[in-house]
Amino acid sequence: MQLVNSSHARQLAGRPKTDRLDAQWIARLAEMGLLRPSFVPPPEIRALRDLTRTRLQMVRDRTREWQRLEKLLEGALVKLSSVVSSLARTKTARDILEAIAAGERDPKALAALAAAHVKGGRAAIERSLDGMMIGGHHPMLIRAHLDHITLLDRTAAAIEDEIEAALDAIPAARGISADGVPPADPGPDAAALPAVDRLAEIPGVSRKLAMAIIAETGLDMTRFPTAAHLVSWAGLAPVTRQSGPRSRKPGKGQGDAYLKGYCTQAATGTARTGTFLGERLRRLSRRLGAMRARCAVARSILVIISSPTPKPGSPTSGPTGTSAAATATARSAPTSANSRPSVSTSPSPPPPKSKNRR
């Protein structure tokens, strides 16, 4: 039983199309070996993928809920978002919103709930709340949004715990202790770290991103013959559209949108680092733009992930599907943003002098 792409078994032009003829045509293609099986991860990776994708949807829903709440506050002339850095990540904003939902209307009393180190001080908070027009329905709607956000926070935290437990239950994701045994916690003197910790050594890849990447690619990198196959499967392969003297902008690559988003997010995280990936991102941003530079660095991260895995315990052991040499290359930075790797070549003899011919 194989799962194949329907585009590989597309009916030829001019042939009659019936269910019987389609079945015969697919059987003939399979007999001739012209159908390539699609990548189907094992059951434990599929379960992990369901968890990570559900958590991502919860985080997106939480962001949308904060945006709806901010729009509601703007309609009530509550300019709190112009003073605090973020409504979602600031305790001052949450305390003030809880007080407004409880019935407090005095700007001075609400400003007293702000932290002392808030930008602009409590006077700026009071000015942003001065003139607010809170109607009778606003407290109920603010409370509904805050309760929904709290529910999404608890659900996302519960899913994160389930993701940790699912990874610990996969033997291939565990590290290797000094005794050569793969325990759940190999310890600080382990011969090989767990898969998540090894991937987290790549600049820009956090533990949560490492878990999400493992859920998309799996732990067996031999399913992809080369790094180019993995990059193409993620939709990060460069495409050339050239006809005559014209070169058109390539369209959006088709692939795993989740894996592409995770790698692009990791590429964004390398912007403020002094590593090779950070230098590459800054250099390409000046020449190609921020979007194309992030895609290029995301492709480099996938190439690092798909590097051949040496034997556990060897000096070059790195993350799963990643060698330590590739990780060290990603962390090392050139001396300048425009520098290139130097290649030492032996001096070549000067060309022979040409004789003048009459």
Protein backbone atom coordinates (compact mmCIF):
# COMPACT_ATOMS: atom_id res chain seq x y z
CA MET A 1 0.00 0.00 0.00
CA GLN A 2 1.47 3.34 -1.07
CA LEU A 3 0.27 6.92 -0.84
CA VAL A 4 1.25 8.79 -4.01
CA ASN A 5 0.70 12.25 -5.38
CA SER A 6 -2.26 12.42 -7.72
CA SER A 7 -0.36 14.67 -10.11
CA HIS A 8 2.08 11.82 -10.80
CA ALA A 9 -0.76 9.62 -12.07
CA ARG A 10 -2.53 12.26 -14.13
CA GLN A 11 -4.42 10.96 -17.13
CA LEU A 12 -2.86 11.58 -20.54
CA ALA A 13 -4.59 13.96 -22.94
CA GLY A 14 -6.89 12.31 -25.45
CA ARG A 15 -7.57 9.18 -23.40
CA PRO A 16 -11.12 8.36 -22.27
CA LYS A 17 -11.61 8.77 -18.54
CA THR A 18 -13.56 6.22 -16.54
CA ASP A 19 -13.02 4.70 -13.11
CA ARG A 20 -12.05 1.37 -14.65
CA LEU A 21 -9.54 2.91 -17.06
CA ASP A 22 -8.11 5.09 -14.28
CA ALA A 23 -7.56 2.02 -12.08
CA GLN A 24 -5.85 0.20 -14.95
CA TRP A 25 -3.65 3.21 -15.68
CA ILE A 26 -2.59 3.58 -12.02
CA ALA A 27 -1.85 -0.15 -11.81
CA ARG A 28 0.28 0.06 -14.95
CA LEU A 29 2.24 3.03 -13.62
CA ALA A 30 2.83 1.25 -10.32
CA GLU A 31 3.98 -1.90 -12.14
CA MET A 32 6.49 0.12 -14.16
CA GLY A 33 7.78 1.91 -11.04
CA LEU A 34 6.74 5.38 -12.19
CA LEU A 35 4.88 6.28 -8.98
CA ARG A 36 6.91 7.63 -6.10
CA PRO A 37 5.47 6.97 -2.63
CA SER A 38 4.81 10.06 -0.56
CA PHE A 39 6.35 10.62 2.86
CA VAL A 40 4.14 9.13 5.58
CA PRO A 41 5.60 9.51 9.09
CA PRO A 42 5.21 6.76 11.68
CA PRO A 43 2.19 6.81 14.03
CA GLU A 44 4.02 8.41 16.95
CA ILE A 45 5.26 11.27 14.75
CA ARG A 46 1.76 11.75 13.33
CA ALA A 47 0.38 12.02 16.86
CA LEU A 48 3.10 14.52 17.74
CA ARG A 49 2.27 16.50 14.59
CA ASP A 50 -1.40 16.72 15.61
CA LEU A 51 -0.36 18.12 18.98
CA THR A 52 2.05 20.73 17.63
CA ARG A 53 -0.34 21.91 14.93
CA THR A 54 -3.20 22.16 17.42
CA ARG A 55 -1.00 24.21 19.75
CA LEU A 56 -0.12 26.52 16.84
CA GLN A 57 -3.81 27.05 16.11
CA MET A 58 -4.44 27.82 19.79
CA VAL A 59 -1.69 30.45 19.77
CA ARG A 60 -3.10 32.00 16.61
CA ASP A 61 -6.60 32.08 18.11
CA ARG A 62 -5.21 33.76 21.21
CA THR A 63 -3.54 36.43 19.07
CA ARG A 64 -6.81 37.05 17.23
CA GLU A 65 -8.62 37.35 20.55
CA TRP A 66 -6.18 40.04 21.73
CA GLN A 67 -6.70 41.90 18.45
CA ARG A 68 -10.47 41.81 18.89
CA LEU A 69 -10.09 43.11 22.43
CA GLU A 70 -7.82 45.93 21.26
CA LYS A 71 -10.36 46.94 18.61
CA LEU A 72 -13.06 46.98 21.28
CA LEU A 73 -10.94 49.23 23.50
CA GLU A 74 -10.18 51.60 20.63
CA GLY A 75 -13.90 51.98 20.02
CA ALA A 76 -14.35 52.93 23.68
CA LEU A 77 -11.51 55.52 23.43
CA VAL A 78 -9.24 53.48 25.70
CA LYS A 79 -5.79 54.21 24.25
CA LEU A 80 -3.97 51.75 26.48
CA SER A 81 -2.16 50.05 23.58
CA SER A 82 -0.41 53.33 22.69
CA VAL A 83 1.29 53.44 26.11
CA VAL A 84 2.18 49.85 26.99
CA SER A 85 4.43 47.82 24.73
CA SER A 86 1.95 44.95 24.37
CA LEU A 87 -1.45 44.16 25.78
CA ALA A 88 -0.77 40.44 25.77
CA ARG A 89 2.67 40.45 27.42
CA THR A 90 2.26 43.29 29.94
CA LYS A 91 0.94 42.67 33.45
CA THR A 92 -0.01 46.34 33.77
CA ALA A 93 -2.43 46.10 30.85
CA ARG A 94 -4.01 42.92 32.20
CA ASP A 95 -4.54 44.43 35.67
CA ILE A 96 -6.13 47.59 34.22
CA LEU A 97 -8.42 45.57 31.96
CA GLU A 98 -9.49 43.38 34.87
CA ALA A 99 -10.34 46.52 36.88
CA ILE A 100 -12.34 48.02 33.99
CA ALA A 101 -14.28 44.77 33.63
CA ALA A 102 -14.96 44.88 37.39
CA GLY A 103 -16.51 48.35 37.07
CA GLU A 104 -13.66 50.80 37.82
CA ARG A 105 -13.90 54.04 35.80
CA ASP A 106 -11.53 56.49 37.52
CA PRO A 107 -8.42 57.03 35.32
CA LYS A 108 -6.29 57.92 38.34
CA ALA A 109 -7.27 54.75 40.20
CA LEU A 110 -6.64 52.67 37.10
CA ALA A 111 -3.24 54.31 36.55
CA ALA A 112 -2.28 53.44 40.13
CA LEU A 113 -2.42 49.74 39.12
CA ALA A 114 0.41 50.24 36.61
CA ALA A 115 3.94 49.19 37.41
CA ALA A 116 6.40 51.88 38.39
CA HIS A 117 8.76 51.14 35.47
CA VAL A 118 6.10 51.48 32.76
CA LYS A 119 7.10 53.63 29.78
CA GLY A 120 6.09 57.25 30.38
CA GLY A 121 5.14 56.56 33.99
CA ARG A 122 1.69 56.37 35.50
CA ALA A 123 0.92 59.84 34.20
CA ALA A 124 1.02 58.51 30.63
CA ILE A 125 -1.34 55.71 31.62
CA GLU A 126 -3.73 58.22 33.14
CA ARG A 127 -3.66 60.38 29.98
CA SER A 128 -4.40 57.36 27.79
CA LEU A 129 -7.46 56.55 29.92
CA ASP A 130 -8.72 60.11 30.21
CA GLY A 131 -11.88 60.64 28.15
CA MET A 132 -12.73 56.96 27.76
CA MET A 133 -16.37 56.20 26.96
CA ILE A 134 -17.18 52.86 28.57
CA GLY A 135 -20.71 51.79 27.76
CA GLY A 136 -22.87 49.32 29.60
CA HIS A 137 -21.90 46.46 27.29
CA HIS A 138 -18.13 47.01 27.33
CA PRO A 139 -17.37 45.40 30.74
CA MET A 140 -19.20 42.21 29.75
CA LEU A 141 -17.38 42.00 26.39
CA ILE A 142 -13.98 42.71 27.98
CA ARG A 143 -14.62 39.97 30.52
CA ALA A 144 -15.62 37.55 27.75
CA HIS A 145 -12.42 38.24 25.81
CA LEU A 146 -10.22 37.91 28.91
CA ASP A 147 -11.88 34.63 29.92
CA HIS A 148 -11.41 33.23 26.41
CA ILE A 149 -7.74 34.25 26.44
CA THR A 150 -7.26 32.57 29.82
CA LEU A 151 -8.87 29.39 28.49
CA LEU A 152 -6.59 29.40 25.44
CA ASP A 153 -3.55 29.92 27.68
CA ARG A 154 -4.47 26.90 29.81
CA THR A 155 -5.22 24.75 26.76
CA ALA A 156 -1.92 25.67 25.08
CA ALA A 157 -0.02 24.89 28.30
CA ALA A 158 -1.75 21.51 28.59
CA ILE A 159 -0.90 20.67 24.97
CA GLU A 160 2.74 21.64 25.58
CA ASP A 161 2.90 19.17 28.48
CA GLU A 162 1.40 16.51 26.22
CA ILE A 163 4.01 17.26 23.54
CA GLU A 164 6.81 16.80 26.08
CA ALA A 165 5.33 13.47 27.18
CA ALA A 166 4.91 12.30 23.57
CA LEU A 167 8.54 13.09 22.78
CA ASP A 168 9.79 11.34 25.90
CA ALA A 169 7.87 8.23 24.82
CA ILE A 170 9.74 8.01 21.48
CA PRO A 171 12.99 6.04 21.96
CA ALA A 172 14.67 7.63 18.93
CA ALA A 173 14.23 11.11 20.44
CA ARG A 174 16.10 10.25 23.63
CA GLY A 175 19.74 10.95 24.24
CA ILE A 176 22.50 8.45 24.94
CA SER A 177 24.19 8.31 28.32
CA ALA A 178 27.89 7.76 28.90
CA ASP A 179 27.17 4.02 29.29
CA GLY A 180 25.68 3.85 25.81
CA VAL A 181 22.10 3.41 27.06
CA PRO A 182 19.30 5.67 25.74
CA PRO A 183 17.54 6.78 28.98
CA ALA A 184 14.86 9.45 29.27
CA ASP A 185 17.35 11.82 30.92
CA PRO A 186 20.94 11.08 29.81
CA GLY A 187 22.44 13.66 32.19
CA PRO A 188 25.07 16.36 31.63
CA ASP A 189 27.84 13.90 30.67
CA ALA A 190 25.75 12.25 27.96
CA ALA A 191 27.35 10.89 24.82
CA ALA A 192 24.46 12.35 22.79
CA LEU A 193 21.85 14.87 23.87
CA PRO A 194 18.13 14.33 23.22
CA ALA A 195 16.90 15.24 19.76
CA VAL A 196 15.22 18.45 20.92
CA ASP A 197 18.34 19.70 22.70
CA ARG A 198 20.50 18.88 19.70
CA LEU A 199 18.26 20.81 17.33
CA ALA A 200 18.09 23.69 19.80
CA GLU A 201 21.86 24.15 19.35
CA ILE A 202 21.18 25.62 15.90
CA PRO A 203 21.01 29.44 16.10
CA GLY A 204 17.43 30.69 16.06
CA VAL A 205 15.87 27.31 16.92
CA SER A 206 14.23 27.24 20.34
CA ARG A 207 12.99 24.13 22.12
CA LYS A 208 9.41 24.70 21.00
CA LEU A 209 10.52 25.18 17.39
CA ALA A 210 12.67 22.05 17.65
CA MET A 211 9.66 20.01 18.80
CA ALA A 212 7.56 21.40 15.95
CA ILE A 213 10.27 20.66 13.37
CA ILE A 214 10.61 17.08 14.62
CA ALA A 215 6.84 16.68 14.36
CA GLU A 216 6.96 17.69 10.68
CA THR A 217 10.13 15.94 9.46
CA GLY A 218 10.31 13.01 11.84
CA LEU A 219 13.51 11.62 13.29
CA ASP A 220 14.63 9.52 10.30
CA MET A 221 16.45 11.80 7.87
CA THR A 222 17.17 8.88 5.53
CA ARG A 223 13.65 9.31 4.15
CA PHE A 224 15.04 12.26 2.21
CA PRO A 225 17.89 11.19 -0.12
CA THR A 226 19.54 14.62 -0.11
CA ALA A 227 19.13 17.97 1.57
CA ALA A 228 17.60 19.30 -1.65
CA HIS A 229 14.74 16.81 -1.32
CA LEU A 230 13.94 18.02 2.21
CA VAL A 231 14.18 21.67 1.14
CA SER A 232 11.89 21.06 -1.82
CA TRP A 233 9.43 19.13 0.37
CA ALA A 234 9.24 22.15 2.69
CA GLY A 235 8.63 24.55 -0.22
CA LEU A 236 11.91 26.43 0.25
CA ALA A 237 13.68 25.36 -2.94
CA PRO A 238 14.65 28.26 -5.23
CA VAL A 239 12.70 28.36 -8.49
CA THR A 240 13.94 29.90 -11.74
CA ARG A 241 11.50 31.25 -14.31
CA GLN A 242 13.48 32.52 -17.27
CA SER A 243 12.45 32.86 -20.88
CA GLY A 244 14.81 34.57 -23.28
CA PRO A 245 16.15 37.80 -21.80
CA ARG A 246 13.35 38.00 -19.21
CA SER A 247 13.60 36.56 -15.72
CA ARG A 248 10.30 36.54 -13.85
CA LYS A 249 9.79 36.46 -10.14
CA PRO A 250 9.19 32.85 -9.04
CA GLY A 251 5.86 31.96 -7.51
CA LYS A 252 5.23 30.57 -4.05
CA GLY A 253 6.71 27.11 -3.63
CA GLN A 254 4.34 24.31 -2.72
CA GLY A 255 5.32 22.22 0.29
CA ASP A 256 4.80 21.75 4.00
CA ALA A 257 3.57 25.18 5.03
CA TYR A 258 4.03 24.39 8.73
CA LEU A 259 7.68 23.38 8.35
CA LYS A 260 8.34 26.40 6.14
CA GLY A 261 6.85 28.70 8.78
CA TYR A 262 8.88 27.13 11.58
CA CYS A 263 12.16 27.48 9.66
CA THR A 264 11.35 31.06 8.65
CA GLN A 265 10.63 31.90 12.29
CA ALA A 266 13.98 30.38 13.26
CA ALA A 267 15.67 32.44 10.54
CA THR A 268 14.13 35.59 12.01
CA GLY A 269 15.56 34.63 15.41
CA THR A 270 19.10 34.68 14.01
CA ALA A 271 18.92 38.38 13.08
CA ARG A 272 20.50 39.64 16.31
CA THR A 273 23.10 36.91 16.63
CA GLY A 274 26.74 37.07 15.60
CA THR A 275 26.64 33.62 14.01
CA PHE A 276 27.12 32.66 10.39
CA LEU A 277 23.35 32.47 9.86
CA GLY A 278 22.88 35.92 11.38
CA GLU A 279 25.57 37.43 9.18
CA ARG A 280 24.07 35.72 6.15
CA LEU A 281 20.61 37.09 6.96
CA ARG A 282 21.87 40.66 7.32
CA ARG A 283 23.97 40.46 4.17
CA LEU A 284 21.17 39.05 2.02
CA SER A 285 18.62 41.50 3.44
CA ARG A 286 20.57 44.42 2.03
CA ARG A 287 20.71 42.83 -1.41
CA LEU A 288 17.50 40.81 -1.77
CA GLY A 289 15.15 42.20 0.86
CA ALA A 290 14.03 40.87 4.22
CA MET A 291 11.52 38.30 2.93
CA ARG A 292 13.86 36.56 0.48
CA ALA A 293 16.70 36.68 2.99
CA ARG A 294 14.59 34.89 5.60
CA CYS A 295 13.66 32.21 3.07
CA ALA A 296 17.33 31.73 2.15
CA VAL A 297 18.41 31.40 5.79
CA ALA A 298 15.46 29.07 6.47
CA ARG A 299 16.74 26.88 3.66
CA SER A 300 20.22 26.91 5.23
CA ILE A 301 18.72 25.79 8.55
CA LEU A 302 17.00 22.87 6.83
CA VAL A 303 20.26 21.91 5.15
CA ILE A 304 21.93 21.86 8.58
CA ILE A 305 19.12 19.70 9.97
CA SER A 306 19.43 17.18 7.14
CA SER A 307 23.22 16.82 7.49
CA PRO A 308 24.37 13.20 7.83
CA THR A 309 24.15 11.91 11.37
CA PRO A 310 27.35 10.24 12.60
CA LYS A 311 27.38 7.39 15.07
CA PRO A 312 26.32 8.35 18.61
CA GLY A 313 29.26 9.05 20.85
CA SER A 314 31.58 10.10 18.05
CA PRO A 315 33.27 13.53 18.23
CA THR A 316 31.02 14.83 15.43
CA SER A 317 27.73 13.84 17.01
CA GLY A 318 25.16 16.60 16.72
CA PRO A 319 21.39 17.00 16.61
CA THR A 320 19.29 14.30 15.00
CA GLY A 321 19.98 14.58 11.31
CA THR A 322 22.56 17.25 12.15
CA SER A 323 26.27 16.87 12.62
CA ALA A 324 28.18 18.93 15.15
CA ALA A 325 30.40 20.25 12.37
CA ALA A 326 27.36 21.71 10.61
CA THR A 327 26.14 23.26 13.86
CA ALA A 328 29.57 24.77 14.50
CA THR A 329 29.59 26.18 10.99
CA ALA A 330 26.21 27.78 11.62
CA ARG A 331 27.46 29.38 14.84
CA SER A 332 30.73 30.69 13.43
CA ALA A 333 30.55 34.15 11.86
CA PRO A 334 32.87 35.80 9.34
CA THR A 335 34.80 38.90 10.28
CA SER A 336 32.55 41.19 8.25
CA ALA A 337 29.09 40.99 6.78
CA ASN A 338 30.38 41.10 3.20
CA SER A 339 33.25 38.69 3.63
CA ARG A 340 33.40 35.35 1.83
CA PRO A 341 35.08 32.09 2.84
CA SER A 342 38.68 32.19 1.70
CA VAL A 343 39.98 29.39 -0.49
CA SER A 344 43.71 28.73 -0.49
CA THR A 345 45.07 27.84 -3.89
CA SER A 346 48.57 27.14 -5.03
CA PRO A 347 50.15 29.88 -7.17
CA SER A 348 49.90 29.17 -10.86
CA PRO A 349 52.79 29.85 -13.22
CA PRO A 350 52.53 32.97 -15.37
CA PRO A 351 51.17 32.47 -18.88
CA PRO A 352 53.76 32.13 -21.66
CA LYS A 353 54.53 35.22 -23.63
CA SER A 354 53.04 35.22 -27.08
CA LYS A 355 55.41 35.78 -29.98
CA ASN A 356 54.60 38.39 -32.58
CA ARG A 357 53.75 36.76 -35.85
CA ARG A 358 54.27 38.51 -39.12
